[in-house]
PDB file of all heavy atoms in Angstrom:
ATOM      1  N   GLU A   1     121.583   2.271 -97.266  1.00  0.00           N
ATOM      2  CA  GLU A   1     122.102   2.769 -95.966  1.00  0.00           C
ATOM      3  C   GLU A   1     121.002   3.111 -94.991  1.00  0.00           C
ATOM      4  O   GLU A   1     121.101   2.864 -93.815  1.00  0.00           O
ATOM      5  CB  GLU A   1     122.962   4.037 -96.195  1.00  0.00           C
ATOM      6  CG  GLU A   1     124.289   3.797 -96.883  1.00  0.00           C
ATOM      7  CD  GLU A   1     125.231   2.892 -96.024  1.00  0.00           C
ATOM      8  OE1 GLU A   1     125.125   3.008 -94.778  1.00  0.00           O
ATOM      9  OE2 GLU A   1     125.883   2.077 -96.612  1.00  0.00           O
ATOM     10  N   GLN A   2     119.846   3.568 -95.503  1.00  0.00           N
ATOM     11  CA  GLN A   2     118.760   3.893 -94.607  1.00  0.00           C
ATOM     12  C   GLN A   2     118.142   2.632 -93.989  1.00  0.00           C
ATOM     13  O   GLN A   2     117.883   2.572 -92.808  1.00  0.00           O
ATOM     14  CB  GLN A   2     117.668   4.674 -95.387  1.00  0.00           C
ATOM     15  CG  GLN A   2     116.535   5.138 -94.485  1.00  0.00           C
ATOM     16  CD  GLN A   2     115.517   6.006 -95.254  1.00  0.00           C
ATOM     17  OE1 GLN A   2     115.698   6.288 -96.461  1.00  0.00           O
ATOM     18  NE2 GLN A   2     114.488   6.410 -94.571  1.00  0.00           N
ATOM     19  N   LEU A   3     117.964   1.610 -94.832  1.00  0.00           N
ATOM     20  CA  LEU A   3     117.497   0.338 -94.368  1.00  0.00           C
ATOM     21  C   LEU A   3     118.447  -0.283 -93.367  1.00  0.00           C
ATOM     22  O   LEU A   3     118.048  -0.867 -92.331  1.00  0.00           O
ATOM     23  CB  LEU A   3     117.218  -0.632 -95.491  1.00  0.00           C
ATOM     24  CG  LEU A   3     116.042  -0.294 -96.398  1.00  0.00           C
ATOM     25  CD1 LEU A   3     115.930  -1.295 -97.557  1.00  0.00           C
ATOM     26  CD2 LEU A   3     114.720  -0.341 -95.581  1.00  0.00           C
ATOM     27  N   LYS A   4     119.724  -0.155 -93.665  1.00  0.00           N
ATOM     28  CA  LYS A   4     120.742  -0.701 -92.809  1.00  0.00           C
ATOM     29  C   LYS A   4     120.715  -0.038 -91.399  1.00  0.00           C
ATOM     30  O   LYS A   4     120.763  -0.718 -90.406  1.00  0.00           O
ATOM     31  CB  LYS A   4     122.172  -0.527 -93.410  1.00  0.00           C
ATOM     32  CG  LYS A   4     123.271  -1.187 -92.602  1.00  0.00           C
ATOM     33  CD  LYS A   4     124.619  -0.897 -93.239  1.00  0.00           C
ATOM     34  CE  LYS A   4     124.773  -1.485 -94.584  1.00  0.00           C
ATOM     35  NZ  LYS A   4     126.110  -1.345 -95.150  1.00  0.00           N
ATOM     36  N   GLU A   5     120.509   1.242 -91.398  1.00  0.00           N
ATOM     37  CA  GLU A   5     120.446   2.008 -90.133  1.00  0.00           C
ATOM     38  C   GLU A   5     119.192   1.584 -89.344  1.00  0.00           C
ATOM     39  O   GLU A   5     119.264   1.419 -88.125  1.00  0.00           O
ATOM     40  CB  GLU A   5     120.426   3.529 -90.377  1.00  0.00           C
ATOM     41  CG  GLU A   5     120.404   4.346 -89.135  1.00  0.00           C
ATOM     42  CD  GLU A   5     120.400   5.841 -89.410  1.00  0.00           C
ATOM     43  OE1 GLU A   5     120.456   6.215 -90.618  1.00  0.00           O
ATOM     44  OE2 GLU A   5     120.330   6.601 -88.463  1.00  0.00           O
ATOM     45  N   GLN A   6     118.057   1.436 -90.088  1.00  0.00           N
ATOM     46  CA  GLN A   6     116.823   1.024 -89.382  1.00  0.00           C
ATOM     47  C   GLN A   6     116.949  -0.364 -88.773  1.00  0.00           C
ATOM     48  O   GLN A   6     116.513  -0.617 -87.633  1.00  0.00           O
ATOM     49  CB  GLN A   6     115.651   1.106 -90.385  1.00  0.00           C
ATOM     50  CG  GLN A   6     115.245   2.478 -90.847  1.00  0.00           C
ATOM     51  CD  GLN A   6     114.213   2.459 -91.907  1.00  0.00           C
ATOM     52  OE1 GLN A   6     113.808   1.389 -92.418  1.00  0.00           O
ATOM     53  NE2 GLN A   6     113.741   3.618 -92.304  1.00  0.00           N
ATOM     54  N   ASP A   7     117.542  -1.273 -89.551  1.00  0.00           N
ATOM     55  CA  ASP A   7     117.718  -2.632 -89.052  1.00  0.00           C
ATOM     56  C   ASP A   7     118.686  -2.695 -87.868  1.00  0.00           C
ATOM     57  O   ASP A   7     118.479  -3.455 -86.913  1.00  0.00           O
ATOM     58  CB  ASP A   7     118.255  -3.560 -90.191  1.00  0.00           C
ATOM     59  CG  ASP A   7     117.192  -3.852 -91.205  1.00  0.00           C
ATOM     60  OD1 ASP A   7     115.983  -3.615 -90.916  1.00  0.00           O
ATOM     61  OD2 ASP A   7     117.538  -4.378 -92.268  1.00  0.00           O
ATOM     62  N   THR A   8     119.704  -1.871 -87.910  1.00  0.00           N
ATOM     63  CA  THR A   8     120.671  -1.838 -86.828  1.00  0.00           C
ATOM     64  C   THR A   8     120.047  -1.340 -85.507  1.00  0.00           C
ATOM     65  O   THR A   8     120.244  -1.856 -84.438  1.00  0.00           O
ATOM     66  CB  THR A   8     121.878  -0.927 -87.191  1.00  0.00           C
ATOM     67  OG1 THR A   8     122.534  -1.424 -88.329  1.00  0.00           O
ATOM     68  CG2 THR A   8     122.870  -0.875 -86.014  1.00  0.00           C
ATOM     69  N   ILE A   9     119.224  -0.298 -85.619  1.00  0.00           N
ATOM     70  CA  ILE A   9     118.477   0.252 -84.470  1.00  0.00           C
ATOM     71  C   ILE A   9     117.541  -0.789 -83.916  1.00  0.00           C
ATOM     72  O   ILE A   9     117.441  -1.025 -82.680  1.00  0.00           O
ATOM     73  CB  ILE A   9     117.717   1.543 -84.828  1.00  0.00           C
ATOM     74  CG1 ILE A   9     118.705   2.676 -85.132  1.00  0.00           C
ATOM     75  CG2 ILE A   9     116.787   1.924 -83.720  1.00  0.00           C
ATOM     76  CD1 ILE A   9     118.077   3.912 -85.711  1.00  0.00           C
ATOM     77  N   GLU A  10     116.780  -1.486 -84.807  1.00  0.00           N
ATOM     78  CA  GLU A  10     115.874  -2.514 -84.368  1.00  0.00           C
ATOM     79  C   GLU A  10     116.600  -3.667 -83.735  1.00  0.00           C
ATOM     80  O   GLU A  10     116.149  -4.193 -82.657  1.00  0.00           O
ATOM     81  CB  GLU A  10     115.064  -3.026 -85.547  1.00  0.00           C
ATOM     82  CG  GLU A  10     113.967  -4.052 -85.145  1.00  0.00           C
ATOM     83  CD  GLU A  10     113.139  -4.526 -86.315  1.00  0.00           C
ATOM     84  OE1 GLU A  10     113.399  -4.060 -87.410  1.00  0.00           O
ATOM     85  OE2 GLU A  10     112.248  -5.385 -86.065  1.00  0.00           O
ATOM     86  N   LEU A  11     117.734  -4.050 -84.275  1.00  0.00           N
ATOM     87  CA  LEU A  11     118.515  -5.106 -83.660  1.00  0.00           C
ATOM     88  C   LEU A  11     119.017  -4.760 -82.281  1.00  0.00           C
ATOM     89  O   LEU A  11     118.976  -5.596 -81.348  1.00  0.00           O
ATOM     90  CB  LEU A  11     119.708  -5.430 -84.601  1.00  0.00           C
ATOM     91  CG  LEU A  11     120.698  -6.509 -84.102  1.00  0.00           C
ATOM     92  CD1 LEU A  11     119.992  -7.817 -83.939  1.00  0.00           C
ATOM     93  CD2 LEU A  11     121.831  -6.648 -85.079  1.00  0.00           C
ATOM     94  N   ASP A  12     119.532  -3.523 -82.155  1.00  0.00           N
ATOM     95  CA  ASP A  12     120.023  -3.098 -80.847  1.00  0.00           C
ATOM     96  C   ASP A  12     118.896  -3.103 -79.787  1.00  0.00           C
ATOM     97  O   ASP A  12     119.088  -3.524 -78.666  1.00  0.00           O
ATOM     98  CB  ASP A  12     120.650  -1.699 -80.933  1.00  0.00           C
ATOM     99  CG  ASP A  12     121.933  -1.661 -81.679  1.00  0.00           C
ATOM    100  OD1 ASP A  12     122.583  -2.738 -81.846  1.00  0.00           O
ATOM    101  OD2 ASP A  12     122.399  -0.599 -82.119  1.00  0.00           O
ATOM    102  N   ASN A  13     117.705  -2.614 -80.221  1.00  0.00           N
ATOM    103  CA  ASN A  13     116.591  -2.546 -79.281  1.00  0.00           C
ATOM    104  C   ASN A  13     116.147  -3.980 -78.837  1.00  0.00           C
ATOM    105  O   ASN A  13     115.905  -4.195 -77.687  1.00  0.00           O
ATOM    106  CB  ASN A  13     115.405  -1.801 -79.928  1.00  0.00           C
ATOM    107  CG  ASN A  13     115.636  -0.295 -80.068  1.00  0.00           C
ATOM    108  OD1 ASN A  13     116.481   0.242 -79.363  1.00  0.00           O
ATOM    109  ND2 ASN A  13     114.972   0.305 -81.011  1.00  0.00           N
ATOM    110  N   LEU A  14     116.076  -4.840 -79.831  1.00  0.00           N
ATOM    111  CA  LEU A  14     115.661  -6.250 -79.522  1.00  0.00           C
ATOM    112  C   LEU A  14     116.699  -6.904 -78.642  1.00  0.00           C
ATOM    113  O   LEU A  14     116.317  -7.664 -77.661  1.00  0.00           O
ATOM    114  CB  LEU A  14     115.505  -7.062 -80.821  1.00  0.00           C
ATOM    115  CG  LEU A  14     114.154  -6.952 -81.491  1.00  0.00           C
ATOM    116  CD1 LEU A  14     114.226  -7.630 -82.855  1.00  0.00           C
ATOM    117  CD2 LEU A  14     113.057  -7.567 -80.627  1.00  0.00           C
ATOM    118  N   THR A  15     117.965  -6.692 -78.887  1.00  0.00           N
ATOM    119  CA  THR A  15     119.053  -7.292 -78.104  1.00  0.00           C
ATOM    120  C   THR A  15     118.995  -6.794 -76.645  1.00  0.00           C
ATOM    121  O   THR A  15     119.089  -7.558 -75.682  1.00  0.00           O
ATOM    122  CB  THR A  15     120.421  -6.944 -78.683  1.00  0.00           C
ATOM    123  OG1 THR A  15     120.464  -7.464 -80.046  1.00  0.00           O
ATOM    124  CG2 THR A  15     121.523  -7.598 -77.871  1.00  0.00           C
ATOM    125  N   ASN A  16     118.808  -5.471 -76.480  1.00  0.00           N
ATOM    126  CA  ASN A  16     118.719  -4.911 -75.147  1.00  0.00           C
ATOM    127  C   ASN A  16     117.505  -5.435 -74.390  1.00  0.00           C
ATOM    128  O   ASN A  16     117.541  -5.737 -73.201  1.00  0.00           O
ATOM    129  CB  ASN A  16     118.697  -3.370 -75.237  1.00  0.00           C
ATOM    130  CG  ASN A  16     120.027  -2.769 -75.697  1.00  0.00           C
ATOM    131  OD1 ASN A  16     121.102  -3.356 -75.472  1.00  0.00           O
ATOM    132  ND2 ASN A  16     119.960  -1.634 -76.310  1.00  0.00           N
ATOM    133  N   GLU A  17     116.377  -5.466 -75.120  1.00  0.00           N
ATOM    134  CA  GLU A  17     115.110  -5.923 -74.503  1.00  0.00           C
ATOM    135  C   GLU A  17     115.277  -7.398 -74.046  1.00  0.00           C
ATOM    136  O   GLU A  17     114.855  -7.790 -72.918  1.00  0.00           O
ATOM    137  CB  GLU A  17     113.961  -5.855 -75.469  1.00  0.00           C
ATOM    138  CG  GLU A  17     112.630  -6.415 -74.917  1.00  0.00           C
ATOM    139  CD  GLU A  17     111.561  -6.560 -75.992  1.00  0.00           C
ATOM    140  OE1 GLU A  17     111.578  -5.745 -76.987  1.00  0.00           O
ATOM    141  OE2 GLU A  17     110.728  -7.469 -75.855  1.00  0.00           O
ATOM    142  N   THR A  18     115.868  -8.208 -74.899  1.00  0.00           N
ATOM    143  CA  THR A  18     116.030  -9.608 -74.596  1.00  0.00           C
ATOM    144  C   THR A  18     117.034  -9.858 -73.468  1.00  0.00           C
ATOM    145  O   THR A  18     116.796 -10.716 -72.567  1.00  0.00           O
ATOM    146  CB  THR A  18     116.520 -10.418 -75.832  1.00  0.00           C
ATOM    147  OG1 THR A  18     115.627 -10.123 -76.911  1.00  0.00           O
ATOM    148  CG2 THR A  18     116.553 -11.942 -75.599  1.00  0.00           C
ATOM    149  N   ARG A  19     118.056  -9.032 -73.388  1.00  0.00           N
ATOM    150  CA  ARG A  19     119.017  -9.140 -72.245  1.00  0.00           C
ATOM    151  C   ARG A  19     118.323  -8.772 -70.960  1.00  0.00           C
ATOM    152  O   ARG A  19     118.448  -9.506 -69.963  1.00  0.00           O
ATOM    153  CB  ARG A  19     120.193  -8.196 -72.502  1.00  0.00           C
ATOM    154  CG  ARG A  19     121.249  -8.286 -71.397  1.00  0.00           C
ATOM    155  CD  ARG A  19     122.293  -7.197 -71.497  1.00  0.00           C
ATOM    156  NE  ARG A  19     122.976  -7.288 -72.777  1.00  0.00           N
ATOM    157  CZ  ARG A  19     122.994  -6.341 -73.692  1.00  0.00           C
ATOM    158  NH1 ARG A  19     122.356  -5.208 -73.526  1.00  0.00           N
ATOM    159  NH2 ARG A  19     123.698  -6.522 -74.854  1.00  0.00           N
ATOM    160  N   SER A  20     117.568  -7.646 -70.939  1.00  0.00           N
ATOM    161  CA  SER A  20     116.872  -7.238 -69.750  1.00  0.00           C
ATOM    162  C   SER A  20     115.857  -8.338 -69.281  1.00  0.00           C
ATOM    163  O   SER A  20     115.736  -8.669 -68.110  1.00  0.00           O
ATOM    164  CB  SER A  20     116.201  -5.940 -69.989  1.00  0.00           C
ATOM    165  OG  SER A  20     115.456  -5.499 -68.820  1.00  0.00           O
ATOM    166  N   LEU A  21     115.065  -8.869 -70.269  1.00  0.00           N
ATOM    167  CA  LEU A  21     114.054  -9.846 -69.952  1.00  0.00           C
ATOM    168  C   LEU A  21     114.683 -11.136 -69.413  1.00  0.00           C
ATOM    169  O   LEU A  21     114.185 -11.726 -68.464  1.00  0.00           O
ATOM    170  CB  LEU A  21     113.257 -10.145 -71.196  1.00  0.00           C
ATOM    171  CG  LEU A  21     112.127 -11.205 -71.109  1.00  0.00           C
ATOM    172  CD1 LEU A  21     111.137 -10.818 -70.025  1.00  0.00           C
ATOM    173  CD2 LEU A  21     111.446 -11.406 -72.463  1.00  0.00           C
ATOM    174  N   SER A  22     115.818 -11.547 -69.996  1.00  0.00           N
ATOM    175  CA  SER A  22     116.493 -12.753 -69.561  1.00  0.00           C
ATOM    176  C   SER A  22     116.951 -12.621 -68.115  1.00  0.00           C
ATOM    177  O   SER A  22     116.823 -13.517 -67.294  1.00  0.00           O
ATOM    178  CB  SER A  22     117.697 -13.095 -70.474  1.00  0.00           C
ATOM    179  OG  SER A  22     117.246 -13.304 -71.794  1.00  0.00           O
ATOM    180  N   ASN A  23     117.604 -11.458 -67.790  1.00  0.00           N
ATOM    181  CA  ASN A  23     118.069 -11.241 -66.393  1.00  0.00           C
ATOM    182  C   ASN A  23     116.873 -11.249 -65.450  1.00  0.00           C
ATOM    183  O   ASN A  23     116.969 -11.769 -64.331  1.00  0.00           O
ATOM    184  CB  ASN A  23     118.799  -9.902 -66.342  1.00  0.00           C
ATOM    185  CG  ASN A  23     120.164  -9.976 -66.987  1.00  0.00           C
ATOM    186  OD1 ASN A  23     120.818 -11.032 -66.948  1.00  0.00           O
ATOM    187  ND2 ASN A  23     120.602  -8.896 -67.609  1.00  0.00           N
ATOM    188  N   SER A  24     115.750 -10.638 -65.838  1.00  0.00           N
ATOM    189  CA  SER A  24     114.579 -10.590 -64.969  1.00  0.00           C
ATOM    190  C   SER A  24     113.988 -11.970 -64.727  1.00  0.00           C
ATOM    191  O   SER A  24     113.699 -12.381 -63.601  1.00  0.00           O
ATOM    192  CB  SER A  24     113.503  -9.670 -65.600  1.00  0.00           C
ATOM    193  OG  SER A  24     112.302  -9.766 -64.851  1.00  0.00           O
ATOM    194  N   LEU A  25     113.927 -12.806 -65.816  1.00  0.00           N
ATOM    195  CA  LEU A  25     113.406 -14.175 -65.640  1.00  0.00           C
ATOM    196  C   LEU A  25     114.295 -15.041 -64.792  1.00  0.00           C
ATOM    197  O   LEU A  25     113.852 -15.839 -63.975  1.00  0.00           O
ATOM    198  CB  LEU A  25     113.211 -14.808 -67.062  1.00  0.00           C
ATOM    199  CG  LEU A  25     112.139 -14.187 -67.934  1.00  0.00           C
ATOM    200  CD1 LEU A  25     112.076 -15.004 -69.214  1.00  0.00           C
ATOM    201  CD2 LEU A  25     110.814 -14.176 -67.260  1.00  0.00           C
ATOM    202  N   LYS A  26     115.600 -14.830 -64.917  1.00  0.00           N
ATOM    203  CA  LYS A  26     116.555 -15.581 -64.066  1.00  0.00           C
ATOM    204  C   LYS A  26     116.250 -15.283 -62.598  1.00  0.00           C
ATOM    205  O   LYS A  26     116.175 -16.243 -61.775  1.00  0.00           O
ATOM    206  CB  LYS A  26     118.010 -15.188 -64.387  1.00  0.00           C
ATOM    207  CG  LYS A  26     119.051 -15.903 -63.560  1.00  0.00           C
ATOM    208  CD  LYS A  26     120.353 -15.144 -63.475  1.00  0.00           C
ATOM    209  CE  LYS A  26     120.204 -13.952 -62.598  1.00  0.00           C
ATOM    210  NZ  LYS A  26     121.498 -13.202 -62.381  1.00  0.00           N
ATOM    211  N   ASP A  27     116.092 -14.017 -62.245  1.00  0.00           N
ATOM    212  CA  ASP A  27     115.852 -13.663 -60.850  1.00  0.00           C
ATOM    213  C   ASP A  27     114.465 -14.169 -60.377  1.00  0.00           C
ATOM    214  O   ASP A  27     114.333 -14.630 -59.220  1.00  0.00           O
ATOM    215  CB  ASP A  27     115.840 -12.124 -60.687  1.00  0.00           C
ATOM    216  CG  ASP A  27     117.270 -11.546 -60.905  1.00  0.00           C
ATOM    217  OD1 ASP A  27     118.258 -12.329 -60.718  1.00  0.00           O
ATOM    218  OD2 ASP A  27     117.383 -10.351 -61.241  1.00  0.00           O
ATOM    219  N   ARG A  28     113.507 -14.158 -61.274  1.00  0.00           N
ATOM    220  CA  ARG A  28     112.179 -14.635 -60.814  1.00  0.00           C
ATOM    221  C   ARG A  28     112.133 -16.184 -60.675  1.00  0.00           C
ATOM    222  O   ARG A  28     111.475 -16.694 -59.752  1.00  0.00           O
ATOM    223  CB  ARG A  28     111.119 -14.233 -61.903  1.00  0.00           C
ATOM    224  CG  ARG A  28     110.902 -12.715 -61.868  1.00  0.00           C
ATOM    225  CD  ARG A  28     110.166 -12.254 -63.078  1.00  0.00           C
ATOM    226  NE  ARG A  28     108.786 -12.726 -63.108  1.00  0.00           N
ATOM    227  CZ  ARG A  28     107.959 -12.514 -64.135  1.00  0.00           C
ATOM    228  NH1 ARG A  28     108.338 -11.821 -65.196  1.00  0.00           N
ATOM    229  NH2 ARG A  28     106.685 -13.013 -64.092  1.00  0.00           N
ATOM    230  N   ILE A  29     112.875 -16.897 -61.507  1.00  0.00           N
ATOM    231  CA  ILE A  29     112.937 -18.346 -61.314  1.00  0.00           C
ATOM    232  C   ILE A  29     113.727 -18.655 -60.033  1.00  0.00           C
ATOM    233  O   ILE A  29     113.352 -19.561 -59.297  1.00  0.00           O
ATOM    234  CB  ILE A  29     113.668 -18.989 -62.522  1.00  0.00           C
ATOM    235  CG1 ILE A  29     112.762 -18.872 -63.768  1.00  0.00           C
ATOM    236  CG2 ILE A  29     113.978 -20.432 -62.261  1.00  0.00           C
ATOM    237  CD1 ILE A  29     113.437 -19.330 -65.095  1.00  0.00           C
ATOM    238  N   LYS A  30     114.747 -17.879 -59.785  1.00  0.00           N
ATOM    239  CA  LYS A  30     115.506 -18.014 -58.510  1.00  0.00           C
ATOM    240  C   LYS A  30     114.559 -17.763 -57.330  1.00  0.00           C
ATOM    241  O   LYS A  30     114.641 -18.508 -56.312  1.00  0.00           O
ATOM    242  CB  LYS A  30     116.644 -17.031 -58.467  1.00  0.00           C
ATOM    243  CG  LYS A  30     117.504 -17.090 -57.218  1.00  0.00           C
ATOM    244  CD  LYS A  30     118.644 -16.100 -57.265  1.00  0.00           C
ATOM    245  CE  LYS A  30     119.493 -16.182 -56.024  1.00  0.00           C
ATOM    246  NZ  LYS A  30     120.593 -15.143 -56.064  1.00  0.00           N
ATOM    247  N   GLY A  31     113.650 -16.823 -57.437  1.00  0.00           N
ATOM    248  CA  GLY A  31     112.703 -16.570 -56.385  1.00  0.00           C
ATOM    249  C   GLY A  31     111.754 -17.772 -56.170  1.00  0.00           C
ATOM    250  O   GLY A  31     111.438 -18.108 -55.014  1.00  0.00           O
ATOM    251  N   LEU A  32     111.320 -18.403 -57.247  1.00  0.00           N
ATOM    252  CA  LEU A  32     110.450 -19.584 -57.109  1.00  0.00           C
ATOM    253  C   LEU A  32     111.198 -20.769 -56.483  1.00  0.00           C
ATOM    254  O   LEU A  32     110.655 -21.474 -55.670  1.00  0.00           O
ATOM    255  CB  LEU A  32     109.942 -20.011 -58.430  1.00  0.00           C
ATOM    256  CG  LEU A  32     108.903 -19.093 -59.192  1.00  0.00           C
ATOM    257  CD1 LEU A  32     108.519 -19.686 -60.545  1.00  0.00           C
ATOM    258  CD2 LEU A  32     107.673 -18.946 -58.322  1.00  0.00           C
ATOM    259  N   GLU A  33     112.469 -20.880 -56.817  1.00  0.00           N
ATOM    260  CA  GLU A  33     113.268 -21.977 -56.239  1.00  0.00           C
ATOM    261  C   GLU A  33     113.598 -21.805 -54.776  1.00  0.00           C
ATOM    262  O   GLU A  33     113.894 -22.726 -54.071  1.00  0.00           O
ATOM    263  CB  GLU A  33     114.519 -22.180 -57.059  1.00  0.00           C
ATOM    264  CG  GLU A  33     114.287 -22.654 -58.445  1.00  0.00           C
ATOM    265  CD  GLU A  33     115.531 -22.978 -59.236  1.00  0.00           C
ATOM    266  OE1 GLU A  33     116.567 -22.356 -58.999  1.00  0.00           O
ATOM    267  OE2 GLU A  33     115.453 -23.887 -60.077  1.00  0.00           O
ATOM    268  N   GLY A  34     113.411 -20.530 -54.301  1.00  0.00           N
ATOM    269  CA  GLY A  34     113.649 -20.253 -52.911  1.00  0.00           C
ATOM    270  C   GLY A  34     112.378 -20.249 -52.102  1.00  0.00           C
ATOM    271  O   GLY A  34     112.362 -19.754 -50.961  1.00  0.00           O
ATOM    272  N   SER A  35     111.272 -20.778 -52.649  1.00  0.00           N
ATOM    273  CA  SER A  35     110.000 -20.808 -51.958  1.00  0.00           C
ATOM    274  C   SER A  35     110.101 -21.624 -50.678  1.00  0.00           C
ATOM    275  O   SER A  35     110.780 -22.681 -50.670  1.00  0.00           O
ATOM    276  CB  SER A  35     108.889 -21.352 -52.855  1.00  0.00           C
ATOM    277  OG  SER A  35     108.728 -20.509 -53.974  1.00  0.00           O
ATOM    278  N   PRO A  36     109.439 -21.273 -49.577  1.00  0.00           N
ATOM    279  CA  PRO A  36     109.522 -22.053 -48.333  1.00  0.00           C
ATOM    280  C   PRO A  36     108.812 -23.392 -48.504  1.00  0.00           C
ATOM    281  O   PRO A  36     107.916 -23.561 -49.355  1.00  0.00           O
ATOM    282  CB  PRO A  36     108.730 -21.164 -47.341  1.00  0.00           C
ATOM    283  CG  PRO A  36     107.828 -20.311 -48.206  1.00  0.00           C
ATOM    284  CD  PRO A  36     108.587 -20.077 -49.455  1.00  0.00           C
ATOM    285  N   PRO A  37     109.261 -24.404 -47.717  1.00  0.00           N
ATOM    286  CA  PRO A  37     108.602 -25.732 -47.828  1.00  0.00           C
ATOM    287  C   PRO A  37     107.194 -25.701 -47.403  1.00  0.00           C
ATOM    288  O   PRO A  37     106.771 -24.821 -46.630  1.00  0.00           O
ATOM    289  CB  PRO A  37     109.455 -26.608 -46.899  1.00  0.00           C
ATOM    290  CG  PRO A  37     110.034 -25.620 -45.917  1.00  0.00           C
ATOM    291  CD  PRO A  37     110.277 -24.354 -46.681  1.00  0.00           C
ATOM    292  N   GLY A  38     106.388 -26.634 -47.886  1.00  0.00           N
ATOM    293  CA  GLY A  38     104.968 -26.703 -47.556  1.00  0.00           C
ATOM    294  C   GLY A  38     104.365 -27.934 -48.113  1.00  0.00           C
ATOM    295  O   GLY A  38     105.063 -28.817 -48.688  1.00  0.00           O
ATOM    296  N   PRO A  39     103.060 -28.079 -47.990  1.00  0.00           N
ATOM    297  CA  PRO A  39     102.372 -29.306 -48.479  1.00  0.00           C
ATOM    298  C   PRO A  39     102.515 -29.513 -49.974  1.00  0.00           C
ATOM    299  O   PRO A  39     102.407 -30.632 -50.473  1.00  0.00           O
ATOM    300  CB  PRO A  39     100.933 -29.143 -48.039  1.00  0.00           C
ATOM    301  CG  PRO A  39     100.768 -27.652 -47.893  1.00  0.00           C
ATOM    302  CD  PRO A  39     102.066 -27.164 -47.365  1.00  0.00           C
ATOM    303  N   ASP A  40     102.715 -28.422 -50.720  1.00  0.00           N
ATOM    304  CA  ASP A  40     102.809 -28.558 -52.178  1.00  0.00           C
ATOM    305  C   ASP A  40     104.236 -28.311 -52.659  1.00  0.00           C
ATOM    306  O   ASP A  40     104.476 -28.028 -53.803  1.00  0.00           O
ATOM    307  CB  ASP A  40     101.895 -27.521 -52.840  1.00  0.00           C
ATOM    308  CG  ASP A  40     100.441 -27.675 -52.401  1.00  0.00           C
ATOM    309  OD1 ASP A  40      99.915 -28.767 -52.639  1.00  0.00           O
ATOM    310  OD2 ASP A  40      99.852 -26.712 -51.915  1.00  0.00           O
ATOM    311  N   ALA A  41     105.222 -28.513 -51.774  1.00  0.00           N
ATOM    312  CA  ALA A  41     106.645 -28.230 -52.093  1.00  0.00           C
ATOM    313  C   ALA A  41     107.124 -29.056 -53.267  1.00  0.00           C
ATOM    314  O   ALA A  41     107.786 -28.542 -54.170  1.00  0.00           O
ATOM    315  CB  ALA A  41     107.514 -28.428 -50.874  1.00  0.00           C
TER     316      ALA A  41
END
């Protein structure tokens, strides 16, 4: 039971971190795709 509780907490933390990171990366890629035109467009 103790190991199960530890693994559950670690799983929840990793899932939350990955969700937050994924949302952040989506917005940052969106920002790159909205870059103004230029010589290196």
